[in-house]
């Protein structure tokens, strides 16, 4: 398992109907539906990490309101293999953790919110390229610790 121990360039690109996530020289390809799920998980855990860090409710809402970048780059390399990599989003205290295969990246809540917006915008562009006009919704939430969540909100 490789861990990023220093600041590294991160980007989200679109490759026809595939979303490409780059961290340094590593890259992972995801279908647009998976990109939307990753974005939702990153938003969820960035809110949780911000709450643990002591951010106010308005600050947490601002993290989740990050606009997607309209200039997610389109790249054309159709001969490269596609397919979803294993991924998982979680948090370690005030950090949001994204694990893709053996790569582990950790960000503070605002950075994770920005990356989530990149995934959303990349997913939108890839979905449009694929001609998918469906209106499906997937939501994620943490259903455990309801009493603790209610106490922290007050």
N, C-alpha and C. Protein backbone atom coordinates (compact mmCIF):
# COMPACT_ATOMS: atom_id res chain seq x y z
N UNK A 1 0.85 -1.16 0.00
CA UNK A 1 0.00 0.00 0.00
C UNK A 1 0.90 1.23 0.00
N UNK A 2 0.67 2.14 -0.94
CA UNK A 2 1.47 3.36 -0.98
C UNK A 2 0.67 4.51 -0.41
N UNK A 3 1.32 5.33 0.37
CA UNK A 3 0.67 6.48 0.97
C UNK A 3 1.34 7.74 0.47
N UNK A 4 0.51 8.78 0.27
CA UNK A 4 1.04 10.06 -0.16
C UNK A 4 1.46 10.83 1.08
N UNK A 5 2.73 11.13 1.19
CA UNK A 5 3.24 11.80 2.36
C UNK A 5 3.63 13.25 2.09
N UNK A 6 3.42 13.72 0.89
CA UNK A 6 3.74 15.10 0.55
C UNK A 6 2.70 15.61 -0.43
N UNK A 7 2.57 16.94 -0.57
CA UNK A 7 1.60 17.47 -1.52
C UNK A 7 1.86 16.93 -2.92
N UNK A 8 0.81 16.50 -3.57
CA UNK A 8 0.92 15.88 -4.88
C UNK A 8 -0.17 16.43 -5.79
N UNK A 9 0.14 16.58 -7.06
CA UNK A 9 -0.84 17.08 -8.03
C UNK A 9 -1.99 16.08 -8.17
N UNK A 10 -3.20 16.60 -8.11
CA UNK A 10 -4.40 15.79 -8.22
C UNK A 10 -5.27 16.40 -9.31
N UNK A 11 -5.84 15.57 -10.18
CA UNK A 11 -6.75 16.08 -11.21
C UNK A 11 -7.80 15.04 -11.55
N UNK A 12 -8.88 15.51 -12.10
CA UNK A 12 -9.94 14.64 -12.61
C UNK A 12 -10.15 15.02 -14.06
N UNK A 13 -10.04 14.05 -14.95
CA UNK A 13 -10.19 14.27 -16.38
C UNK A 13 -11.31 13.39 -16.91
N UNK A 14 -11.72 13.67 -18.13
CA UNK A 14 -12.76 12.88 -18.78
C UNK A 14 -12.19 12.25 -20.03
N UNK A 15 -12.41 10.96 -20.18
CA UNK A 15 -11.92 10.19 -21.32
C UNK A 15 -13.14 9.54 -21.95
N UNK A 16 -13.80 10.27 -22.85
CA UNK A 16 -15.06 9.83 -23.43
C UNK A 16 -16.10 9.63 -22.33
N UNK A 17 -16.51 8.38 -22.07
CA UNK A 17 -17.52 8.15 -21.03
C UNK A 17 -16.89 7.63 -19.73
N UNK A 18 -15.60 7.86 -19.56
CA UNK A 18 -14.87 7.39 -18.38
C UNK A 18 -14.26 8.59 -17.66
N UNK A 19 -14.31 8.57 -16.34
CA UNK A 19 -13.71 9.62 -15.52
C UNK A 19 -12.35 9.10 -15.06
N UNK A 20 -11.31 9.90 -15.28
CA UNK A 20 -9.94 9.51 -14.94
C UNK A 20 -9.48 10.37 -13.77
N UNK A 21 -9.08 9.72 -12.69
CA UNK A 21 -8.58 10.41 -11.51
C UNK A 21 -7.08 10.22 -11.46
N UNK A 22 -6.33 11.32 -11.41
CA UNK A 22 -4.87 11.27 -11.39
C UNK A 22 -4.35 11.82 -10.06
N UNK A 23 -3.46 11.07 -9.46
CA UNK A 23 -2.74 11.51 -8.27
C UNK A 23 -1.28 11.30 -8.57
N UNK A 24 -0.56 12.40 -8.81
CA UNK A 24 0.83 12.28 -9.21
C UNK A 24 0.91 11.50 -10.51
N UNK A 25 1.68 10.43 -10.53
CA UNK A 25 1.80 9.61 -11.73
C UNK A 25 0.82 8.44 -11.72
N UNK A 26 0.04 8.29 -10.66
CA UNK A 26 -0.95 7.21 -10.58
C UNK A 26 -2.26 7.66 -11.19
N UNK A 27 -2.97 6.74 -11.84
CA UNK A 27 -4.28 7.09 -12.34
C UNK A 27 -5.23 5.92 -12.19
N UNK A 28 -6.51 6.26 -12.07
CA UNK A 28 -7.57 5.26 -11.96
C UNK A 28 -8.72 5.72 -12.83
N UNK A 29 -9.36 4.78 -13.48
CA UNK A 29 -10.49 5.07 -14.36
C UNK A 29 -11.77 4.56 -13.71
N UNK A 30 -12.82 5.37 -13.81
CA UNK A 30 -14.11 5.00 -13.24
C UNK A 30 -15.23 5.30 -14.23
N UNK A 31 -16.27 4.50 -14.19
CA UNK A 31 -17.47 4.84 -14.95
C UNK A 31 -18.07 6.09 -14.33
N UNK A 32 -18.91 6.79 -15.06
CA UNK A 32 -19.48 8.01 -14.51
C UNK A 32 -20.40 7.73 -13.32
N UNK A 33 -21.04 6.57 -13.30
CA UNK A 33 -21.88 6.25 -12.13
C UNK A 33 -21.03 6.07 -10.89
N UNK A 34 -19.88 5.44 -11.03
CA UNK A 34 -18.97 5.29 -9.90
C UNK A 34 -18.40 6.64 -9.48
N UNK A 35 -18.10 7.50 -10.45
CA UNK A 35 -17.59 8.84 -10.13
C UNK A 35 -18.60 9.61 -9.28
N UNK A 36 -19.89 9.48 -9.61
CA UNK A 36 -20.92 10.14 -8.80
C UNK A 36 -20.96 9.57 -7.38
N UNK A 37 -20.79 8.26 -7.25
CA UNK A 37 -20.79 7.64 -5.91
C UNK A 37 -19.58 8.11 -5.10
N UNK A 38 -18.41 8.19 -5.74
CA UNK A 38 -17.22 8.66 -5.04
C UNK A 38 -17.41 10.11 -4.61
N UNK A 39 -17.97 10.92 -5.49
CA UNK A 39 -18.22 12.33 -5.15
C UNK A 39 -19.14 12.44 -3.94
N UNK A 40 -20.20 11.64 -3.92
CA UNK A 40 -21.13 11.70 -2.79
C UNK A 40 -20.45 11.26 -1.49
N UNK A 41 -19.66 10.22 -1.57
CA UNK A 41 -18.95 9.75 -0.37
C UNK A 41 -17.94 10.79 0.11
N UNK A 42 -17.22 11.42 -0.82
CA UNK A 42 -16.27 12.46 -0.43
C UNK A 42 -16.98 13.63 0.24
N UNK A 43 -18.14 14.04 -0.30
CA UNK A 43 -18.91 15.13 0.31
C UNK A 43 -19.36 14.73 1.71
N UNK A 44 -19.85 13.51 1.86
CA UNK A 44 -20.34 13.04 3.15
C UNK A 44 -19.23 13.05 4.19
N UNK A 45 -18.10 12.47 3.85
CA UNK A 45 -17.01 12.37 4.81
C UNK A 45 -16.28 13.70 5.02
N UNK A 46 -16.33 14.60 4.03
CA UNK A 46 -15.75 15.92 4.27
C UNK A 46 -16.58 16.69 5.29
N UNK A 47 -17.90 16.53 5.25
CA UNK A 47 -18.74 17.15 6.27
C UNK A 47 -18.47 16.59 7.65
N UNK A 48 -18.29 15.28 7.73
CA UNK A 48 -17.98 14.64 9.00
C UNK A 48 -16.61 15.09 9.52
N UNK A 49 -15.62 15.14 8.64
CA UNK A 49 -14.28 15.57 9.06
C UNK A 49 -14.29 17.03 9.51
N UNK A 50 -15.06 17.87 8.83
CA UNK A 50 -15.16 19.27 9.23
C UNK A 50 -15.82 19.40 10.60
N UNK A 51 -16.83 18.58 10.85
CA UNK A 51 -17.49 18.63 12.15
C UNK A 51 -16.53 18.21 13.25
N UNK A 52 -15.74 17.19 13.00
CA UNK A 52 -14.75 16.74 13.98
C UNK A 52 -13.71 17.84 14.21
N UNK A 53 -13.38 18.58 13.14
CA UNK A 53 -12.40 19.66 13.26
C UNK A 53 -12.98 20.89 13.97
N UNK A 54 -14.28 20.87 14.24
CA UNK A 54 -14.90 21.98 14.96
C UNK A 54 -15.47 23.06 14.07
N UNK A 55 -15.67 22.77 12.79
CA UNK A 55 -16.23 23.76 11.87
C UNK A 55 -17.70 24.02 12.24
N UNK A 56 -18.14 25.25 12.02
CA UNK A 56 -19.54 25.58 12.28
C UNK A 56 -20.42 24.97 11.19
N UNK A 57 -21.71 24.97 11.43
CA UNK A 57 -22.66 24.42 10.47
C UNK A 57 -22.55 25.15 9.13
N UNK A 58 -22.43 26.47 9.17
CA UNK A 58 -22.32 27.24 7.92
C UNK A 58 -21.02 26.91 7.18
N UNK A 59 -19.93 26.71 7.89
CA UNK A 59 -18.67 26.34 7.24
C UNK A 59 -18.79 24.97 6.59
N UNK A 60 -19.47 24.04 7.25
CA UNK A 60 -19.66 22.70 6.67
C UNK A 60 -20.55 22.77 5.43
N UNK A 61 -21.56 23.61 5.46
CA UNK A 61 -22.43 23.76 4.29
C UNK A 61 -21.64 24.35 3.12
N UNK A 62 -20.76 25.27 3.42
CA UNK A 62 -19.95 25.89 2.36
C UNK A 62 -19.03 24.87 1.70
N UNK A 63 -18.49 23.95 2.48
CA UNK A 63 -17.64 22.89 1.91
C UNK A 63 -18.45 22.06 0.92
N UNK A 64 -19.70 21.76 1.26
CA UNK A 64 -20.52 20.92 0.38
C UNK A 64 -21.08 21.67 -0.81
N UNK A 65 -21.00 23.01 -0.80
CA UNK A 65 -21.52 23.82 -1.91
C UNK A 65 -20.47 24.12 -2.96
N UNK A 66 -19.32 23.49 -2.88
CA UNK A 66 -18.25 23.77 -3.83
C UNK A 66 -18.78 23.59 -5.25
N UNK A 67 -18.65 24.59 -6.11
CA UNK A 67 -19.11 24.41 -7.49
C UNK A 67 -18.15 23.51 -8.26
N UNK A 68 -18.69 22.74 -9.17
CA UNK A 68 -17.83 21.91 -10.02
C UNK A 68 -17.11 22.77 -11.03
N UNK A 69 -15.93 22.36 -11.40
CA UNK A 69 -15.19 23.11 -12.40
C UNK A 69 -15.73 22.76 -13.77
N UNK A 70 -16.01 23.79 -14.57
CA UNK A 70 -16.49 23.55 -15.92
C UNK A 70 -15.37 23.14 -16.86
N UNK A 71 -14.13 23.30 -16.42
CA UNK A 71 -13.02 23.00 -17.32
C UNK A 71 -12.32 21.69 -16.95
N UNK A 72 -13.10 20.68 -16.54
CA UNK A 72 -12.51 19.36 -16.38
C UNK A 72 -12.04 18.94 -17.77
N UNK A 73 -10.78 18.59 -17.87
CA UNK A 73 -10.18 18.37 -19.18
C UNK A 73 -10.69 17.11 -19.85
N UNK A 74 -10.85 17.20 -21.13
CA UNK A 74 -11.22 16.04 -21.92
C UNK A 74 -9.95 15.49 -22.57
N UNK A 75 -9.72 14.21 -22.42
CA UNK A 75 -8.55 13.61 -23.02
C UNK A 75 -9.01 12.45 -23.89
N UNK A 76 -8.31 12.18 -24.95
CA UNK A 76 -8.73 11.09 -25.83
C UNK A 76 -7.63 10.05 -25.90
N UNK A 77 -7.83 8.98 -25.16
CA UNK A 77 -6.93 7.83 -25.21
C UNK A 77 -7.81 6.57 -25.16
N UNK A 78 -8.63 6.35 -26.20
CA UNK A 78 -9.61 5.28 -26.14
C UNK A 78 -9.02 3.88 -26.08
N UNK A 79 -7.74 3.71 -26.37
CA UNK A 79 -7.15 2.37 -26.36
C UNK A 79 -6.70 1.92 -24.98
N UNK A 80 -6.74 2.82 -24.00
CA UNK A 80 -6.34 2.45 -22.65
C UNK A 80 -7.44 1.62 -22.01
N UNK A 81 -7.08 0.65 -21.18
CA UNK A 81 -8.11 -0.18 -20.56
C UNK A 81 -8.98 0.63 -19.63
N UNK A 82 -10.27 0.25 -19.55
CA UNK A 82 -11.17 0.93 -18.65
C UNK A 82 -11.67 -0.06 -17.63
N UNK A 83 -12.40 0.42 -16.70
CA UNK A 83 -12.93 -0.45 -15.66
C UNK A 83 -12.76 0.23 -14.32
N UNK A 84 -13.65 -0.09 -13.43
CA UNK A 84 -13.62 0.56 -12.13
C UNK A 84 -12.60 -0.11 -11.23
N UNK A 85 -11.81 0.71 -10.56
CA UNK A 85 -10.87 0.22 -9.58
C UNK A 85 -11.58 0.07 -8.25
N UNK A 86 -11.04 -0.74 -7.38
CA UNK A 86 -11.59 -0.83 -6.03
C UNK A 86 -11.34 0.48 -5.33
N UNK A 87 -12.34 1.00 -4.65
CA UNK A 87 -12.18 2.27 -3.97
C UNK A 87 -12.95 2.24 -2.66
N UNK A 88 -12.55 3.14 -1.76
CA UNK A 88 -13.23 3.28 -0.47
C UNK A 88 -12.95 4.67 0.07
N UNK A 89 -13.97 5.29 0.63
CA UNK A 89 -13.81 6.60 1.25
C UNK A 89 -14.14 6.44 2.73
N UNK A 90 -13.32 7.04 3.57
CA UNK A 90 -13.57 7.00 5.02
C UNK A 90 -12.95 8.26 5.61
N UNK A 91 -12.92 8.33 6.93
CA UNK A 91 -12.23 9.45 7.55
C UNK A 91 -11.37 8.96 8.69
N UNK A 92 -10.33 9.71 8.94
CA UNK A 92 -9.44 9.48 10.08
C UNK A 92 -9.38 10.80 10.82
N UNK A 93 -10.27 10.96 11.77
CA UNK A 93 -10.34 12.21 12.50
C UNK A 93 -10.73 13.35 11.59
N UNK A 94 -9.85 14.34 11.47
CA UNK A 94 -10.13 15.53 10.68
C UNK A 94 -9.78 15.36 9.20
N UNK A 95 -9.34 14.17 8.80
CA UNK A 95 -8.93 13.94 7.42
C UNK A 95 -9.90 13.02 6.70
N UNK A 96 -10.10 13.26 5.42
CA UNK A 96 -10.89 12.39 4.56
C UNK A 96 -9.91 11.50 3.83
N UNK A 97 -10.19 10.20 3.82
CA UNK A 97 -9.27 9.22 3.23
C UNK A 97 -9.94 8.60 2.00
N UNK A 98 -9.25 8.66 0.87
CA UNK A 98 -9.70 7.99 -0.35
C UNK A 98 -8.68 6.91 -0.66
N UNK A 99 -9.14 5.67 -0.68
CA UNK A 99 -8.26 4.55 -1.01
C UNK A 99 -8.73 3.97 -2.33
N UNK A 100 -7.82 3.93 -3.29
CA UNK A 100 -8.09 3.34 -4.60
C UNK A 100 -7.04 2.27 -4.81
N UNK A 101 -7.49 1.04 -4.78
CA UNK A 101 -6.53 -0.05 -4.87
C UNK A 101 -5.55 0.02 -3.73
N UNK A 102 -4.26 0.14 -4.04
CA UNK A 102 -3.23 0.22 -3.02
C UNK A 102 -2.83 1.65 -2.67
N UNK A 103 -3.38 2.63 -3.37
CA UNK A 103 -3.04 4.03 -3.13
C UNK A 103 -3.97 4.62 -2.07
N UNK A 104 -3.40 5.31 -1.10
CA UNK A 104 -4.17 5.96 -0.04
C UNK A 104 -3.83 7.44 -0.06
N UNK A 105 -4.87 8.29 -0.18
CA UNK A 105 -4.68 9.74 -0.15
C UNK A 105 -5.53 10.32 0.97
N UNK A 106 -4.99 11.30 1.68
CA UNK A 106 -5.71 11.95 2.78
C UNK A 106 -5.74 13.46 2.53
N UNK A 107 -6.94 14.04 2.75
CA UNK A 107 -7.10 15.48 2.60
C UNK A 107 -7.89 16.03 3.76
N UNK A 108 -7.71 17.33 4.01
CA UNK A 108 -8.57 18.03 4.94
C UNK A 108 -9.91 18.25 4.26
N UNK A 109 -10.93 18.58 5.04
CA UNK A 109 -12.30 18.67 4.54
C UNK A 109 -12.47 19.59 3.32
N UNK A 110 -11.94 20.82 3.32
CA UNK A 110 -12.15 21.68 2.14
C UNK A 110 -11.56 21.10 0.86
N UNK A 111 -10.38 20.51 0.95
CA UNK A 111 -9.76 19.91 -0.24
C UNK A 111 -10.59 18.73 -0.73
N UNK A 112 -11.08 17.91 0.19
CA UNK A 112 -11.92 16.76 -0.20
C UNK A 112 -13.21 17.24 -0.86
N UNK A 113 -13.77 18.35 -0.37
CA UNK A 113 -14.97 18.91 -0.99
C UNK A 113 -14.71 19.38 -2.41
N UNK A 114 -13.55 19.97 -2.63
CA UNK A 114 -13.17 20.42 -3.98
C UNK A 114 -13.00 19.22 -4.91
N UNK A 115 -12.34 18.19 -4.44
CA UNK A 115 -12.14 16.99 -5.26
C UNK A 115 -13.48 16.32 -5.56
N UNK A 116 -14.39 16.34 -4.60
CA UNK A 116 -15.73 15.80 -4.83
C UNK A 116 -16.43 16.56 -5.95
N UNK A 117 -16.27 17.89 -5.98
CA UNK A 117 -16.89 18.68 -7.06
C UNK A 117 -16.28 18.34 -8.41
N UNK A 118 -14.96 18.05 -8.43
CA UNK A 118 -14.33 17.64 -9.68
C UNK A 118 -14.91 16.32 -10.16
N UNK A 119 -15.09 15.37 -9.23
CA UNK A 119 -15.69 14.08 -9.60
C UNK A 119 -17.10 14.28 -10.14
N UNK A 120 -17.89 15.14 -9.50
CA UNK A 120 -19.26 15.38 -9.97
C UNK A 120 -19.25 15.95 -11.38
N UNK A 121 -18.42 16.96 -11.62
CA UNK A 121 -18.38 17.58 -12.94
C UNK A 121 -17.84 16.60 -13.99
N UNK A 122 -16.82 15.84 -13.65
CA UNK A 122 -16.32 14.83 -14.58
C UNK A 122 -17.38 13.79 -14.89
N UNK A 123 -18.14 13.38 -13.87
CA UNK A 123 -19.23 12.43 -14.08
C UNK A 123 -20.30 13.01 -15.00
N UNK A 124 -20.62 14.29 -14.82
CA UNK A 124 -21.63 14.93 -15.68
C UNK A 124 -21.16 14.95 -17.14
N UNK A 125 -19.90 15.30 -17.35
CA UNK A 125 -19.38 15.36 -18.72
C UNK A 125 -19.34 13.98 -19.36
N UNK A 126 -18.90 12.98 -18.60
CA UNK A 126 -18.83 11.61 -19.14
C UNK A 126 -20.23 11.08 -19.42
N UNK A 127 -21.18 11.39 -18.56
CA UNK A 127 -22.56 10.95 -18.75
C UNK A 127 -23.15 11.59 -20.01
N UNK A 128 -22.88 12.88 -20.19
CA UNK A 128 -23.37 13.56 -21.39
C UNK A 128 -22.75 12.96 -22.64
N UNK A 129 -21.45 12.65 -22.60
CA UNK A 129 -20.79 12.05 -23.76
C UNK A 129 -21.42 10.70 -24.09
N UNK A 130 -21.79 9.94 -23.06
CA UNK A 130 -22.38 8.63 -23.27
C UNK A 130 -23.82 8.72 -23.77
N UNK A 131 -24.42 9.91 -23.70
CA UNK A 131 -25.79 10.08 -24.15
C UNK A 131 -26.82 9.60 -23.13
N UNK A 132 -26.40 9.44 -21.90
CA UNK A 132 -27.29 8.98 -20.83
C UNK A 132 -28.09 10.17 -20.31
N UNK A 133 -29.40 10.12 -20.46
CA UNK A 133 -30.25 11.21 -19.99
C UNK A 133 -31.09 10.79 -18.79
N UNK A 134 -30.75 9.66 -18.18
CA UNK A 134 -31.52 9.18 -17.03
C UNK A 134 -31.38 10.12 -15.85
N UNK A 135 -32.35 10.09 -14.97
CA UNK A 135 -32.37 10.95 -13.79
C UNK A 135 -32.41 10.08 -12.53
N UNK A 136 -31.37 9.33 -12.30
CA UNK A 136 -31.33 8.48 -11.11
C UNK A 136 -30.63 9.23 -9.99
N UNK A 137 -30.97 8.90 -8.76
CA UNK A 137 -30.34 9.52 -7.60
C UNK A 137 -29.84 8.44 -6.67
N UNK A 138 -28.63 8.62 -6.20
CA UNK A 138 -28.07 7.75 -5.17
C UNK A 138 -27.63 8.65 -4.04
N UNK A 139 -28.00 8.27 -2.86
CA UNK A 139 -27.65 9.07 -1.70
C UNK A 139 -26.84 8.24 -0.74
N UNK A 140 -26.02 8.90 0.03
CA UNK A 140 -25.22 8.21 1.04
C UNK A 140 -25.38 8.95 2.35
N UNK A 141 -25.36 8.22 3.40
CA UNK A 141 -25.45 8.83 4.72
C UNK A 141 -24.88 7.90 5.76
N UNK A 142 -24.53 8.46 6.87
CA UNK A 142 -24.04 7.67 7.99
C UNK A 142 -25.22 7.46 8.92
N UNK A 143 -25.65 6.22 9.06
CA UNK A 143 -26.85 5.93 9.83
C UNK A 143 -26.55 5.51 11.26
N UNK A 144 -25.30 5.35 11.59
CA UNK A 144 -24.96 4.99 12.97
C UNK A 144 -24.69 6.26 13.76
N UNK A 145 -24.64 6.15 15.04
CA UNK A 145 -24.32 7.27 15.92
C UNK A 145 -25.30 8.43 15.78
N UNK A 146 -26.58 8.14 15.60
CA UNK A 146 -27.58 9.18 15.46
C UNK A 146 -27.63 10.09 16.68
N UNK A 147 -27.52 9.53 17.88
CA UNK A 147 -27.56 10.35 19.08
C UNK A 147 -26.35 11.28 19.13
N UNK A 148 -25.17 10.77 18.75
CA UNK A 148 -23.97 11.59 18.75
C UNK A 148 -24.09 12.71 17.72
N UNK A 149 -24.63 12.40 16.55
CA UNK A 149 -24.81 13.40 15.52
C UNK A 149 -25.76 14.50 15.99
N UNK A 150 -26.86 14.10 16.62
CA UNK A 150 -27.82 15.09 17.12
C UNK A 150 -27.18 15.98 18.17
N UNK A 151 -26.36 15.41 19.03
CA UNK A 151 -25.69 16.19 20.07
C UNK A 151 -24.71 17.19 19.45
N UNK A 152 -23.98 16.78 18.42
CA UNK A 152 -23.01 17.66 17.79
C UNK A 152 -23.67 18.80 17.02
N UNK A 153 -24.86 18.56 16.49
CA UNK A 153 -25.56 19.59 15.72
C UNK A 153 -26.01 20.73 16.63
N UNK A 154 -26.38 20.41 17.86
CA UNK A 154 -26.91 21.43 18.78
C UNK A 154 -25.86 22.37 19.27
